Amino acid sequence: MEFLKELWNFLRIRKKLWLAPIIIVMLIFGGLLIVSQGSVMAPFIYTLF
């Protein structure tokens, strides 16, 4: 949790809040790839990239 607090403070202080949505989307896609690694949906997800 400390890392997330530091990241949020960095984004807020340096006026880089526009990076927050990009980071969130990258985390969602990364989680999706990890979850779908061994599933039946993997071929369909990999076609998106």
C-alpha atoms as a PDB file:
ATOM      1  CA  MET A   1       0.000   0.000   0.000  1.00  0.00           C
ATOM      2  CA  GLU A   2       2.908   2.348   0.632  1.00  0.00           C
ATOM      3  CA  PHE A   3       3.889   2.169  -3.054  1.00  0.00           C
ATOM      4  CA  LEU A   4       0.402   3.195  -4.144  1.00  0.00           C
ATOM      5  CA  LYS A   5       0.408   6.145  -1.736  1.00  0.00           C
ATOM      6  CA  GLU A   6       3.772   7.306  -3.016  1.00  0.00           C
ATOM      7  CA  LEU A   7       2.660   6.914  -6.632  1.00  0.00           C
ATOM      8  CA  TRP A   8      -0.516   8.908  -5.987  1.00  0.00           C
ATOM      9  CA  ASN A   9       1.438  11.663  -4.210  1.00  0.00           C
ATOM     10  CA  PHE A  10       3.926  11.800  -7.085  1.00  0.00           C
ATOM     11  CA  LEU A  11       1.139  12.116  -9.665  1.00  0.00           C
ATOM     12  CA  ARG A  12      -0.664  14.763  -7.622  1.00  0.00           C
ATOM     13  CA  ILE A  13       2.348  16.903  -6.754  1.00  0.00           C
ATOM     14  CA  ARG A  14       3.870  16.846 -10.235  1.00  0.00           C
ATOM     15  CA  LYS A  15       0.492  17.530 -11.893  1.00  0.00           C
ATOM     16  CA  LYS A  16       0.618  14.240 -13.792  1.00  0.00           C
ATOM     17  CA  LEU A  17      -2.913  13.076 -12.967  1.00  0.00           C
ATOM     18  CA  TRP A  18      -3.525  12.395 -16.655  1.00  0.00           C
ATOM     19  CA  LEU A  19      -1.260   9.340 -16.245  1.00  0.00           C
ATOM     20  CA  ALA A  20      -3.632   7.695 -13.744  1.00  0.00           C
ATOM     21  CA  PRO A  21      -6.136   6.352 -16.340  1.00  0.00           C
ATOM     22  CA  ILE A  22      -3.280   4.983 -18.454  1.00  0.00           C
ATOM     23  CA  ILE A  23      -1.798   3.145 -15.475  1.00  0.00           C
ATOM     24  CA  ILE A  24      -5.210   1.730 -14.504  1.00  0.00           C
ATOM     25  CA  VAL A  25      -5.892   0.446 -18.029  1.00  0.00           C
ATOM     26  CA  MET A  26      -2.440  -1.148 -18.200  1.00  0.00           C
ATOM     27  CA  LEU A  27      -3.054  -2.896 -14.870  1.00  0.00           C
ATOM     28  CA  ILE A  28      -6.442  -4.181 -16.057  1.00  0.00           C
ATOM     29  CA  PHE A  29      -4.963  -5.559 -19.289  1.00  0.00           C
ATOM     30  CA  GLY A  30      -2.085  -7.147 -17.383  1.00  0.00           C
ATOM     31  CA  GLY A  31      -4.470  -8.798 -14.943  1.00  0.00           C
ATOM     32  CA  LEU A  32      -6.624 -10.011 -17.817  1.00  0.00           C
ATOM     33  CA  LEU A  33      -3.625 -11.614 -19.494  1.00  0.00           C
ATOM     34  CA  ILE A  34      -2.532 -13.317 -16.271  1.00  0.00           C
ATOM     35  CA  VAL A  35      -6.016 -14.651 -15.520  1.00  0.00           C
ATOM     36  CA  SER A  36      -6.584 -15.898 -19.057  1.00  0.00           C
ATOM     37  CA  GLN A  37      -3.213 -17.625 -19.344  1.00  0.00           C
ATOM     38  CA  GLY A  38      -4.621 -21.142 -18.990  1.00  0.00           C
ATOM     39  CA  SER A  39      -8.241 -20.592 -19.900  1.00  0.00           C
ATOM     40  CA  VAL A  40     -10.281 -21.332 -22.998  1.00  0.00           C
ATOM     41  CA  MET A  41     -10.669 -17.596 -23.624  1.00  0.00           C
ATOM     42  CA  ALA A  42      -6.915 -17.118 -24.203  1.00  0.00           C
ATOM     43  CA  PRO A  43      -7.004 -17.332 -28.043  1.00  0.00           C
ATOM     44  CA  PHE A  44      -9.761 -14.714 -28.203  1.00  0.00           C
ATOM     45  CA  ILE A  45      -7.995 -12.339 -25.820  1.00  0.00           C
ATOM     46  CA  TYR A  46      -4.675 -12.625 -27.632  1.00  0.00           C
ATOM     47  CA  THR A  47      -6.334 -11.557 -30.887  1.00  0.00           C
ATOM     48  CA  LEU A  48      -7.018  -8.169 -29.270  1.00  0.00           C
ATOM     49  CA  PHE A  49      -3.291  -7.515 -29.069  1.00  0.00           C
END
